[in-house]
């Protein structure tokens, strides 16, 4: 709906796809929060992967997921 926002009224577009206008405006506002959560999750995942790789290399590839998780 973004590119056509200029061509048509928001209320008309929302009526066509059966959405409320409040959802339309709320969805756009929530996008920044979703991106922020994705970025934080990616950072946590990267840090966790580094720790897992460290333990795996330190064990010379002998430790599996259960033992790495326990340590």
PDB file of N, CA and C in Angstrom:
ATOM      1  N   UNK A   1       0.814  -1.188   0.000  1.00  0.00           N
ATOM      2  CA  UNK A   1       0.000   0.000   0.000  1.00  0.00           C
ATOM      3  C   UNK A   1       0.858   1.251   0.000  1.00  0.00           C
ATOM      4  N   UNK A   2       2.102   1.147   0.296  1.00  0.00           N
ATOM      5  CA  UNK A   2       2.976   2.303   0.384  1.00  0.00           C
ATOM      6  C   UNK A   2       3.049   3.152  -0.873  1.00  0.00           C
ATOM      7  N   UNK A   3       3.408   2.567  -2.047  1.00  0.00           N
ATOM      8  CA  UNK A   3       3.552   3.383  -3.251  1.00  0.00           C
ATOM      9  C   UNK A   3       2.245   4.035  -3.702  1.00  0.00           C
ATOM     10  N   UNK A   4       1.123   3.404  -3.467  1.00  0.00           N
ATOM     11  CA  UNK A   4      -0.165   3.940  -3.909  1.00  0.00           C
ATOM     12  C   UNK A   4      -0.773   4.914  -2.907  1.00  0.00           C
ATOM     13  N   UNK A   5      -0.107   5.141  -1.831  1.00  0.00           N
ATOM     14  CA  UNK A   5      -0.644   6.014  -0.788  1.00  0.00           C
ATOM     15  C   UNK A   5      -0.892   7.415  -1.337  1.00  0.00           C
ATOM     16  N   UNK A   6      -0.040   7.883  -2.202  1.00  0.00           N
ATOM     17  CA  UNK A   6      -0.187   9.223  -2.767  1.00  0.00           C
ATOM     18  C   UNK A   6      -1.346   9.292  -3.755  1.00  0.00           C
ATOM     19  N   UNK A   7      -1.613   8.202  -4.464  1.00  0.00           N
ATOM     20  CA  UNK A   7      -2.635   8.208  -5.507  1.00  0.00           C
ATOM     21  C   UNK A   7      -4.049   8.115  -4.942  1.00  0.00           C
ATOM     22  N   UNK A   8      -4.241   7.377  -3.874  1.00  0.00           N
ATOM     23  CA  UNK A   8      -5.566   7.139  -3.325  1.00  0.00           C
ATOM     24  C   UNK A   8      -5.616   7.527  -1.857  1.00  0.00           C
ATOM     25  N   UNK A   9      -6.819   7.799  -1.418  1.00  0.00           N
ATOM     26  CA  UNK A   9      -7.008   8.101  -0.001  1.00  0.00           C
ATOM     27  C   UNK A   9      -6.774   6.836   0.813  1.00  0.00           C
ATOM     28  N   UNK A  10      -6.209   6.986   1.976  1.00  0.00           N
ATOM     29  CA  UNK A  10      -5.927   5.846   2.844  1.00  0.00           C
ATOM     30  C   UNK A  10      -7.213   5.110   3.179  1.00  0.00           C
ATOM     31  N   UNK A  11      -8.262   5.859   3.438  1.00  0.00           N
ATOM     32  CA  UNK A  11      -9.529   5.208   3.796  1.00  0.00           C
ATOM     33  C   UNK A  11     -10.041   4.323   2.665  1.00  0.00           C
ATOM     34  N   UNK A  12      -9.877   4.753   1.403  1.00  0.00           N
ATOM     35  CA  UNK A  12     -10.316   3.945   0.261  1.00  0.00           C
ATOM     36  C   UNK A  12      -9.488   2.669   0.160  1.00  0.00           C
ATOM     37  N   UNK A  13      -8.191   2.797   0.299  1.00  0.00           N
ATOM     38  CA  UNK A  13      -7.324   1.620   0.225  1.00  0.00           C
ATOM     39  C   UNK A  13      -7.640   0.632   1.340  1.00  0.00           C
ATOM     40  N   UNK A  14      -7.824   1.149   2.532  1.00  0.00           N
ATOM     41  CA  UNK A  14      -8.125   0.268   3.664  1.00  0.00           C
ATOM     42  C   UNK A  14      -9.459  -0.433   3.474  1.00  0.00           C
ATOM     43  N   UNK A  15     -10.435   0.285   2.929  1.00  0.00           N
ATOM     44  CA  UNK A  15     -11.732  -0.333   2.683  1.00  0.00           C
ATOM     45  C   UNK A  15     -11.603  -1.449   1.639  1.00  0.00           C
ATOM     46  N   UNK A  16     -10.775  -1.252   0.620  1.00  0.00           N
ATOM     47  CA  UNK A  16     -10.592  -2.268  -0.425  1.00  0.00           C
ATOM     48  C   UNK A  16     -10.003  -3.561   0.124  1.00  0.00           C
ATOM     49  N   UNK A  17      -9.048  -3.440   1.018  1.00  0.00           N
ATOM     50  CA  UNK A  17      -8.394  -4.639   1.567  1.00  0.00           C
ATOM     51  C   UNK A  17      -8.960  -5.027   2.932  1.00  0.00           C
ATOM     52  N   UNK A  18     -10.027  -4.334   3.331  1.00  0.00           N
ATOM     53  CA  UNK A  18     -10.752  -4.631   4.570  1.00  0.00           C
ATOM     54  C   UNK A  18      -9.872  -4.521   5.819  1.00  0.00           C
ATOM     55  N   UNK A  19      -9.193  -3.403   5.908  1.00  0.00           N
ATOM     56  CA  UNK A  19      -8.392  -3.087   7.090  1.00  0.00           C
ATOM     57  C   UNK A  19      -8.901  -1.789   7.687  1.00  0.00           C
ATOM     58  N   UNK A  20      -8.722  -1.628   8.958  1.00  0.00           N
ATOM     59  CA  UNK A  20      -9.094  -0.355   9.570  1.00  0.00           C
ATOM     60  C   UNK A  20      -7.969   0.654   9.348  1.00  0.00           C
ATOM     61  N   UNK A  21      -8.343   1.917   9.315  1.00  0.00           N
ATOM     62  CA  UNK A  21      -7.318   2.947   9.153  1.00  0.00           C
ATOM     63  C   UNK A  21      -6.365   2.951  10.335  1.00  0.00           C
ATOM     64  N   UNK A  22      -6.883   2.669  11.522  1.00  0.00           N
ATOM     65  CA  UNK A  22      -6.015   2.655  12.706  1.00  0.00           C
ATOM     66  C   UNK A  22      -4.953   1.566  12.577  1.00  0.00           C
ATOM     67  N   UNK A  23      -5.302   0.419  11.986  1.00  0.00           N
ATOM     68  CA  UNK A  23      -4.317  -0.639  11.772  1.00  0.00           C
ATOM     69  C   UNK A  23      -3.248  -0.153  10.799  1.00  0.00           C
ATOM     70  N   UNK A  24      -3.681   0.505   9.733  1.00  0.00           N
ATOM     71  CA  UNK A  24      -2.744   0.993   8.723  1.00  0.00           C
ATOM     72  C   UNK A  24      -1.711   1.927   9.343  1.00  0.00           C
ATOM     73  N   UNK A  25      -2.173   2.888  10.116  1.00  0.00           N
ATOM     74  CA  UNK A  25      -1.238   3.835  10.725  1.00  0.00           C
ATOM     75  C   UNK A  25      -0.433   3.188  11.848  1.00  0.00           C
ATOM     76  N   UNK A  26      -1.040   2.308  12.589  1.00  0.00           N
ATOM     77  CA  UNK A  26      -0.330   1.616  13.661  1.00  0.00           C
ATOM     78  C   UNK A  26       0.727   0.677  13.130  1.00  0.00           C
ATOM     79  N   UNK A  27       0.435   0.025  12.008  1.00  0.00           N
ATOM     80  CA  UNK A  27       1.388  -0.906  11.408  1.00  0.00           C
ATOM     81  C   UNK A  27       2.645  -0.159  10.972  1.00  0.00           C
ATOM     82  N   UNK A  28       2.491   0.985  10.363  1.00  0.00           N
ATOM     83  CA  UNK A  28       3.646   1.775   9.935  1.00  0.00           C
ATOM     84  C   UNK A  28       4.476   2.252  11.108  1.00  0.00           C
ATOM     85  N   UNK A  29       3.808   2.619  12.186  1.00  0.00           N
ATOM     86  CA  UNK A  29       4.524   3.104  13.367  1.00  0.00           C
ATOM     87  C   UNK A  29       5.274   1.973  14.055  1.00  0.00           C
ATOM     88  N   UNK A  30       4.731   0.771  14.001  1.00  0.00           N
ATOM     89  CA  UNK A  30       5.358  -0.365  14.660  1.00  0.00           C
ATOM     90  C   UNK A  30       6.534  -0.940  13.901  1.00  0.00           C
ATOM     91  N   UNK A  31       6.710  -0.502  12.663  1.00  0.00           N
ATOM     92  CA  UNK A  31       7.783  -1.046  11.837  1.00  0.00           C
ATOM     93  C   UNK A  31       9.163  -0.758  12.432  1.00  0.00           C
ATOM     94  N   UNK A  32       9.355   0.423  12.958  1.00  0.00           N
ATOM     95  CA  UNK A  32      10.649   0.771  13.564  1.00  0.00           C
ATOM     96  C   UNK A  32      10.937  -0.122  14.764  1.00  0.00           C
ATOM     97  N   UNK A  33       9.916  -0.401  15.552  1.00  0.00           N
ATOM     98  CA  UNK A  33      10.092  -1.269  16.721  1.00  0.00           C
ATOM     99  C   UNK A  33      10.448  -2.687  16.289  1.00  0.00           C
ATOM    100  N   UNK A  34       9.805  -3.171  15.227  1.00  0.00           N
ATOM    101  CA  UNK A  34      10.115  -4.519  14.731  1.00  0.00           C
ATOM    102  C   UNK A  34      11.546  -4.598  14.221  1.00  0.00           C
ATOM    103  N   UNK A  35      11.985  -3.577  13.513  1.00  0.00           N
ATOM    104  CA  UNK A  35      13.357  -3.558  13.011  1.00  0.00           C
ATOM    105  C   UNK A  35      14.352  -3.515  14.165  1.00  0.00           C
ATOM    106  N   UNK A  36      14.025  -2.773  15.198  1.00  0.00           N
ATOM    107  CA  UNK A  36      14.895  -2.689  16.369  1.00  0.00           C
ATOM    108  C   UNK A  36      15.016  -4.055  17.046  1.00  0.00           C
ATOM    109  N   UNK A  37      13.884  -4.757  17.183  1.00  0.00           N
ATOM    110  CA  UNK A  37      13.919  -6.099  17.785  1.00  0.00           C
ATOM    111  C   UNK A  37      14.738  -7.055  16.929  1.00  0.00           C
ATOM    112  N   UNK A  38      14.599  -6.952  15.606  1.00  0.00           N
ATOM    113  CA  UNK A  38      15.378  -7.817  14.712  1.00  0.00           C
ATOM    114  C   UNK A  38      16.870  -7.555  14.873  1.00  0.00           C
ATOM    115  N   UNK A  39      17.241  -6.286  14.988  1.00  0.00           N
ATOM    116  CA  UNK A  39      18.655  -5.930  15.133  1.00  0.00           C
ATOM    117  C   UNK A  39      19.217  -6.453  16.456  1.00  0.00           C
ATOM    118  N   UNK A  40      18.448  -6.294  17.546  1.00  0.00           N
ATOM    119  CA  UNK A  40      18.909  -6.805  18.849  1.00  0.00           C
ATOM    120  C   UNK A  40      19.039  -8.316  18.813  1.00  0.00           C
ATOM    121  N   UNK A  41      18.093  -8.989  18.183  1.00  0.00           N
ATOM    122  CA  UNK A  41      18.135 -10.447  18.102  1.00  0.00           C
ATOM    123  C   UNK A  41      19.341 -10.895  17.287  1.00  0.00           C
ATOM    124  N   UNK A  42      19.608 -10.212  16.178  1.00  0.00           N
ATOM    125  CA  UNK A  42      20.761 -10.558  15.346  1.00  0.00           C
ATOM    126  C   UNK A  42      22.062 -10.387  16.128  1.00  0.00           C
ATOM    127  N   UNK A  43      22.156  -9.337  16.931  1.00  0.00           N
ATOM    128  CA  UNK A  43      23.364  -9.112  17.738  1.00  0.00           C
ATOM    129  C   UNK A  43      23.535 -10.215  18.779  1.00  0.00           C
ATOM    130  N   UNK A  44      22.429 -10.610  19.443  1.00  0.00           N
ATOM    131  CA  UNK A  44      22.502 -11.701  20.433  1.00  0.00           C
ATOM    132  C   UNK A  44      22.895 -13.010  19.757  1.00  0.00           C
ATOM    133  N   UNK A  45      22.307 -13.276  18.591  1.00  0.00           N
ATOM    134  CA  UNK A  45      22.624 -14.509  17.875  1.00  0.00           C
ATOM    135  C   UNK A  45      24.092 -14.550  17.465  1.00  0.00           C
ATOM    136  N   UNK A  46      24.621 -13.408  17.027  1.00  0.00           N
ATOM    137  CA  UNK A  46      26.022 -13.350  16.617  1.00  0.00           C
ATOM    138  C   UNK A  46      26.943 -13.621  17.804  1.00  0.00           C
ATOM    139  N   UNK A  47      26.642 -13.010  18.946  1.00  0.00           N
ATOM    140  CA  UNK A  47      27.460 -13.219  20.147  1.00  0.00           C
ATOM    141  C   UNK A  47      27.395 -14.677  20.594  1.00  0.00           C
ATOM    142  N   UNK A  48      26.210 -15.262  20.546  1.00  0.00           N
ATOM    143  CA  UNK A  48      26.048 -16.660  20.939  1.00  0.00           C
ATOM    144  C   UNK A  48      26.811 -17.582  19.997  1.00  0.00           C
ATOM    145  N   UNK A  49      26.743 -17.299  18.704  1.00  0.00           N
ATOM    146  CA  UNK A  49      27.462 -18.122  17.733  1.00  0.00           C
ATOM    147  C   UNK A  49      28.967 -18.060  17.970  1.00  0.00           C
ATOM    148  N   UNK A  50      29.469 -16.893  18.326  1.00  0.00           N
ATOM    149  CA  UNK A  50      30.901 -16.762  18.625  1.00  0.00           C
ATOM    150  C   UNK A  50      31.286 -17.609  19.837  1.00  0.00           C
ATOM    151  N   UNK A  51      30.444 -17.597  20.879  1.00  0.00           N
ATOM    152  CA  UNK A  51      30.723 -18.411  22.074  1.00  0.00           C
ATOM    153  C   UNK A  51      30.683 -19.894  21.745  1.00  0.00           C
ATOM    154  N   UNK A  52      29.691 -20.306  20.969  1.00  0.00           N
ATOM    155  CA  UNK A  52      29.571 -21.721  20.594  1.00  0.00           C
ATOM    156  C   UNK A  52      30.782 -22.146  19.779  1.00  0.00           C
ATOM    157  N   UNK A  53      31.176 -21.314  18.824  1.00  0.00           N
ATOM    158  CA  UNK A  53      32.348 -21.631  17.998  1.00  0.00           C
ATOM    159  C   UNK A  53      33.601 -21.746  18.850  1.00  0.00           C
ATOM    160  N   UNK A  54      33.742 -20.863  19.832  1.00  0.00           N
ATOM    161  CA  UNK A  54      34.904 -20.904  20.724  1.00  0.00           C
ATOM    162  C   UNK A  54      34.954 -22.239  21.474  1.00  0.00           C
ATOM    163  N   UNK A  55      33.823 -22.643  22.087  1.00  0.00           N
ATOM    164  CA  UNK A  55      33.785 -23.910  22.824  1.00  0.00           C
ATOM    165  C   UNK A  55      34.046 -25.099  21.906  1.00  0.00           C
ATOM    166  N   UNK A  56      33.483 -25.053  20.708  1.00  0.00           N
ATOM    167  CA  UNK A  56      33.654 -26.164  19.770  1.00  0.00           C
ATOM    168  C   UNK A  56      35.120 -26.298  19.358  1.00  0.00           C
ATOM    169  N   UNK A  57      35.750 -25.163  19.057  1.00  0.00           N
ATOM    170  CA  UNK A  57      37.163 -25.197  18.667  1.00  0.00           C
ATOM    171  C   UNK A  57      38.054 -25.588  19.840  1.00  0.00           C
ATOM    172  N   UNK A  58      37.722 -25.112  21.033  1.00  0.00           N
ATOM    173  CA  UNK A  58      38.514 -25.451  22.220  1.00  0.00           C
ATOM    174  C   UNK A  58      38.446 -26.946  22.520  1.00  0.00           C
ATOM    175  N   UNK A  59      37.340 -27.571  22.181  1.00  0.00           N
ATOM    176  CA  UNK A  59      37.204 -29.013  22.420  1.00  0.00           C
ATOM    177  C   UNK A  59      37.718 -29.830  21.237  1.00  0.00           C
ATOM    178  N   UNK A  60      38.300 -29.132  20.255  1.00  0.00           N
ATOM    179  CA  UNK A  60      38.822 -29.769  19.039  1.00  0.00           C
ATOM    180  C   UNK A  60      37.734 -30.552  18.316  1.00  0.00           C
ATOM    181  N   UNK A  61      36.529 -30.006  18.343  1.00  0.00           N
ATOM    182  CA  UNK A  61      35.418 -30.608  17.615  1.00  0.00           C
ATOM    183  C   UNK A  61      34.805 -31.821  18.282  1.00  0.00           C
ATOM    184  N   UNK A  62      35.166 -32.074  19.527  1.00  0.00           N
ATOM    185  CA  UNK A  62      34.669 -33.276  20.209  1.00  0.00           C
ATOM    186  C   UNK A  62      33.346 -33.046  20.930  1.00  0.00           C
ATOM    187  N   UNK A  63      33.072 -31.819  21.343  1.00  0.00           N
ATOM    188  CA  UNK A  63      31.849 -31.540  22.101  1.00  0.00           C
ATOM    189  C   UNK A  63      30.677 -31.347  21.142  1.00  0.00           C
ATOM    190  N   UNK A  64      29.565 -31.921  21.502  1.00  0.00           N
ATOM    191  CA  UNK A  64      28.341 -31.738  20.732  1.00  0.00           C
ATOM    192  C   UNK A  64      27.485 -30.647  21.342  1.00  0.00           C
ATOM    193  N   UNK A  65      26.292 -30.504  20.811  1.00  0.00           N
ATOM    194  CA  UNK A  65      25.418 -29.419  21.256  1.00  0.00           C
ATOM    195  C   UNK A  65      25.030 -29.546  22.724  1.00  0.00           C
ATOM    196  N   UNK A  66      24.799 -30.760  23.203  1.00  0.00           N
ATOM    197  CA  UNK A  66      24.383 -30.933  24.599  1.00  0.00           C
ATOM    198  C   UNK A  66      25.489 -30.514  25.557  1.00  0.00           C
ATOM    199  N   UNK A  67      26.700 -30.904  25.265  1.00  0.00           N
ATOM    200  CA  UNK A  67      27.806 -30.581  26.168  1.00  0.00           C
ATOM    201  C   UNK A  67      28.164 -29.097  26.091  1.00  0.00           C
ATOM    202  N   UNK A  68      28.122 -28.543  24.905  1.00  0.00           N
ATOM    203  CA  UNK A  68      28.400 -27.109  24.772  1.00  0.00           C
ATOM    204  C   UNK A  68      27.337 -26.319  25.526  1.00  0.00           C
ATOM    205  N   UNK A  69      26.096 -26.730  25.422  1.00  0.00           N
ATOM    206  CA  UNK A  69      25.010 -26.044  26.129  1.00  0.00           C
ATOM    207  C   UNK A  69      25.198 -26.138  27.641  1.00  0.00           C
ATOM    208  N   UNK A  70      25.626 -27.286  28.103  1.00  0.00           N
ATOM    209  CA  UNK A  70      25.850 -27.495  29.530  1.00  0.00           C
ATOM    210  C   UNK A  70      27.002 -26.631  30.028  1.00  0.00           C
ATOM    211  N   UNK A  71      28.049 -26.499  29.234  1.00  0.00           N
ATOM    212  CA  UNK A  71      29.217 -25.706  29.637  1.00  0.00           C
ATOM    213  C   UNK A  71      28.898 -24.237  29.488  1.00  0.00           C
TER     214      UNK A  71
END
